[in-house]
């Protein structure tokens, strides 16, 4: 109920000059990882979220029943975040995630 009826402010995004922009990898697309990705992107950094399961959301998706958190609202928020990340969400096995994380990143972050 709460998020669906809240007035959504337009999130502002800081544009950073190329020299100040960092490439950040966030491991885990649960509540903490998605929040970190949202705010890092909002600060103007390039963000890639790495997730081992097929669908992001973590505890919000797998631990809460439908009547507690409407899946449509969760999907809407995740789609909005995917549109704001540089490389979107990467889904793969933990080994694939580690391999991708070895690519040059300025700052990895665990979610």
C-alpha atoms as a PDB file:
ATOM      1  CA  UNK A   1       0.000   0.000   0.000  1.00  0.00           C
ATOM      2  CA  UNK A   2       2.637   2.548   1.063  1.00  0.00           C
ATOM      3  CA  UNK A   3       4.859   2.788  -2.014  1.00  0.00           C
ATOM      4  CA  UNK A   4       2.020   2.479  -4.502  1.00  0.00           C
ATOM      5  CA  UNK A   5       0.252   5.523  -3.086  1.00  0.00           C
ATOM      6  CA  UNK A   6       3.290   7.643  -2.275  1.00  0.00           C
ATOM      7  CA  UNK A   7       4.035  10.602  -4.454  1.00  0.00           C
ATOM      8  CA  UNK A   8       7.137   9.721  -6.414  1.00  0.00           C
ATOM      9  CA  UNK A   9       9.685  12.508  -6.587  1.00  0.00           C
ATOM     10  CA  UNK A  10      11.819  12.498  -9.697  1.00  0.00           C
ATOM     11  CA  UNK A  11      15.171  11.084  -8.632  1.00  0.00           C
ATOM     12  CA  UNK A  12      17.923  13.476  -9.514  1.00  0.00           C
ATOM     13  CA  UNK A  13      21.123  12.106 -10.894  1.00  0.00           C
ATOM     14  CA  UNK A  14      24.414  13.878 -10.599  1.00  0.00           C
ATOM     15  CA  UNK A  15      26.412  13.950 -13.785  1.00  0.00           C
ATOM     16  CA  UNK A  16      30.063  13.560 -13.022  1.00  0.00           C
ATOM     17  CA  UNK A  17      32.958  14.423 -15.284  1.00  0.00           C
ATOM     18  CA  UNK A  18      34.660  11.338 -16.742  1.00  0.00           C
ATOM     19  CA  UNK A  19      37.610  11.658 -14.363  1.00  0.00           C
ATOM     20  CA  UNK A  20      35.390  11.584 -11.275  1.00  0.00           C
ATOM     21  CA  UNK A  21      33.030   8.828 -12.387  1.00  0.00           C
ATOM     22  CA  UNK A  22      33.749   5.440 -10.790  1.00  0.00           C
ATOM     23  CA  UNK A  23      32.821   1.974 -11.996  1.00  0.00           C
ATOM     24  CA  UNK A  24      31.255   0.087  -9.086  1.00  0.00           C
ATOM     25  CA  UNK A  25      30.244  -3.568  -8.857  1.00  0.00           C
ATOM     26  CA  UNK A  26      27.568  -4.463  -6.304  1.00  0.00           C
ATOM     27  CA  UNK A  27      27.416  -8.127  -5.303  1.00  0.00           C
ATOM     28  CA  UNK A  28      23.907  -9.271  -4.479  1.00  0.00           C
ATOM     29  CA  UNK A  29      20.575  -7.918  -5.656  1.00  0.00           C
ATOM     30  CA  UNK A  30      18.821  -8.115  -2.318  1.00  0.00           C
ATOM     31  CA  UNK A  31      17.528  -5.106  -0.390  1.00  0.00           C
ATOM     32  CA  UNK A  32      21.004  -3.810   0.551  1.00  0.00           C
ATOM     33  CA  UNK A  33      22.527  -4.360  -2.897  1.00  0.00           C
ATOM     34  CA  UNK A  34      19.641  -2.734  -4.738  1.00  0.00           C
ATOM     35  CA  UNK A  35      19.706   0.224  -2.342  1.00  0.00           C
ATOM     36  CA  UNK A  36      23.471   0.651  -2.753  1.00  0.00           C
ATOM     37  CA  UNK A  37      23.133   0.488  -6.548  1.00  0.00           C
ATOM     38  CA  UNK A  38      20.334   3.050  -6.535  1.00  0.00           C
ATOM     39  CA  UNK A  39      22.229   5.632  -4.508  1.00  0.00           C
ATOM     40  CA  UNK A  40      25.582   5.044  -6.230  1.00  0.00           C
ATOM     41  CA  UNK A  41      23.921   5.578  -9.602  1.00  0.00           C
ATOM     42  CA  UNK A  42      22.168   8.623  -8.284  1.00  0.00           C
ATOM     43  CA  UNK A  43      25.576  10.000  -7.322  1.00  0.00           C
ATOM     44  CA  UNK A  44      26.635   9.612 -10.947  1.00  0.00           C
ATOM     45  CA  UNK A  45      28.725   6.426 -10.815  1.00  0.00           C
ATOM     46  CA  UNK A  46      28.552   3.515 -13.262  1.00  0.00           C
ATOM     47  CA  UNK A  47      27.002   0.530 -11.471  1.00  0.00           C
ATOM     48  CA  UNK A  48      26.750  -3.166 -12.309  1.00  0.00           C
ATOM     49  CA  UNK A  49      24.781  -5.445  -9.974  1.00  0.00           C
ATOM     50  CA  UNK A  50      25.833  -9.101  -9.803  1.00  0.00           C
ATOM     51  CA  UNK A  51      23.205 -11.645  -8.719  1.00  0.00           C
ATOM     52  CA  UNK A  52      23.535 -15.436  -8.495  1.00  0.00           C
ATOM     53  CA  UNK A  53      19.804 -16.218  -8.633  1.00  0.00           C
ATOM     54  CA  UNK A  54      17.550 -15.898 -11.662  1.00  0.00           C
ATOM     55  CA  UNK A  55      15.601 -12.960 -10.269  1.00  0.00           C
ATOM     56  CA  UNK A  56      16.723 -10.031  -8.100  1.00  0.00           C
ATOM     57  CA  UNK A  57      15.040  -9.037  -4.869  1.00  0.00           C
ATOM     58  CA  UNK A  58      16.539 -11.340  -2.272  1.00  0.00           C
ATOM     59  CA  UNK A  59      14.479 -11.520   0.912  1.00  0.00           C
ATOM     60  CA  UNK A  60      11.877  -9.165  -0.540  1.00  0.00           C
ATOM     61  CA  UNK A  61      11.129 -11.677  -3.305  1.00  0.00           C
ATOM     62  CA  UNK A  62      11.737 -15.030  -1.638  1.00  0.00           C
ATOM     63  CA  UNK A  63      11.032 -14.345   2.039  1.00  0.00           C
ATOM     64  CA  UNK A  64       7.941 -12.154   2.083  1.00  0.00           C
ATOM     65  CA  UNK A  65       4.485 -13.475   1.162  1.00  0.00           C
ATOM     66  CA  UNK A  66       2.521 -11.788  -1.631  1.00  0.00           C
ATOM     67  CA  UNK A  67       0.095 -10.139   0.784  1.00  0.00           C
ATOM     68  CA  UNK A  68       3.003  -8.365   2.548  1.00  0.00           C
ATOM     69  CA  UNK A  69       4.763  -7.072  -0.562  1.00  0.00           C
ATOM     70  CA  UNK A  70       2.970  -6.905  -3.887  1.00  0.00           C
ATOM     71  CA  UNK A  71       5.235  -8.441  -6.549  1.00  0.00           C
ATOM     72  CA  UNK A  72       4.171  -5.907  -9.197  1.00  0.00           C
ATOM     73  CA  UNK A  73       5.534  -3.081  -7.063  1.00  0.00           C
ATOM     74  CA  UNK A  74       8.797  -4.938  -6.461  1.00  0.00           C
ATOM     75  CA  UNK A  75       9.158  -5.596 -10.206  1.00  0.00           C
ATOM     76  CA  UNK A  76       8.446  -1.936 -10.989  1.00  0.00           C
ATOM     77  CA  UNK A  77      11.162  -0.755  -8.610  1.00  0.00           C
ATOM     78  CA  UNK A  78      13.680  -3.267  -9.975  1.00  0.00           C
ATOM     79  CA  UNK A  79      12.916  -2.281 -13.603  1.00  0.00           C
ATOM     80  CA  UNK A  80      13.404   1.364 -12.692  1.00  0.00           C
ATOM     81  CA  UNK A  81      16.791   0.540 -11.168  1.00  0.00           C
ATOM     82  CA  UNK A  82      17.811  -1.582 -14.159  1.00  0.00           C
ATOM     83  CA  UNK A  83      17.176   1.380 -16.411  1.00  0.00           C
ATOM     84  CA  UNK A  84      19.462   3.534 -14.277  1.00  0.00           C
ATOM     85  CA  UNK A  85      22.438   1.155 -13.992  1.00  0.00           C
ATOM     86  CA  UNK A  86      25.146   1.236 -16.612  1.00  0.00           C
ATOM     87  CA  UNK A  87      25.320  -2.487 -17.333  1.00  0.00           C
ATOM     88  CA  UNK A  88      22.045  -3.529 -15.752  1.00  0.00           C
ATOM     89  CA  UNK A  89      21.836  -6.643 -13.633  1.00  0.00           C
ATOM     90  CA  UNK A  90      24.149  -9.567 -14.307  1.00  0.00           C
ATOM     91  CA  UNK A  91      22.671 -12.930 -13.393  1.00  0.00           C
ATOM     92  CA  UNK A  92      24.968 -15.918 -13.158  1.00  0.00           C
ATOM     93  CA  UNK A  93      26.446 -18.579 -10.938  1.00  0.00           C
ATOM     94  CA  UNK A  94      28.703 -17.463  -8.103  1.00  0.00           C
ATOM     95  CA  UNK A  95      31.726 -18.589 -10.164  1.00  0.00           C
ATOM     96  CA  UNK A  96      30.611 -16.536 -13.189  1.00  0.00           C
ATOM     97  CA  UNK A  97      30.055 -13.575 -10.895  1.00  0.00           C
ATOM     98  CA  UNK A  98      33.594 -13.849  -9.501  1.00  0.00           C
ATOM     99  CA  UNK A  99      34.990 -14.061 -13.015  1.00  0.00           C
ATOM    100  CA  UNK A 100      33.113 -10.929 -14.070  1.00  0.00           C
ATOM    101  CA  UNK A 101      34.184  -9.118 -10.897  1.00  0.00           C
ATOM    102  CA  UNK A 102      37.807  -9.590 -11.859  1.00  0.00           C
ATOM    103  CA  UNK A 103      37.172  -7.142 -14.685  1.00  0.00           C
ATOM    104  CA  UNK A 104      38.482  -3.656 -13.906  1.00  0.00           C
ATOM    105  CA  UNK A 105      36.281  -1.942 -11.337  1.00  0.00           C
ATOM    106  CA  UNK A 106      37.176   1.083  -9.309  1.00  0.00           C
ATOM    107  CA  UNK A 107      35.234  -0.121  -6.287  1.00  0.00           C
ATOM    108  CA  UNK A 108      33.458  -3.453  -5.603  1.00  0.00           C
ATOM    109  CA  UNK A 109      30.690  -3.328  -2.992  1.00  0.00           C
ATOM    110  CA  UNK A 110      28.939  -6.216  -1.261  1.00  0.00           C
ATOM    111  CA  UNK A 111      25.194  -5.936  -0.760  1.00  0.00           C
END
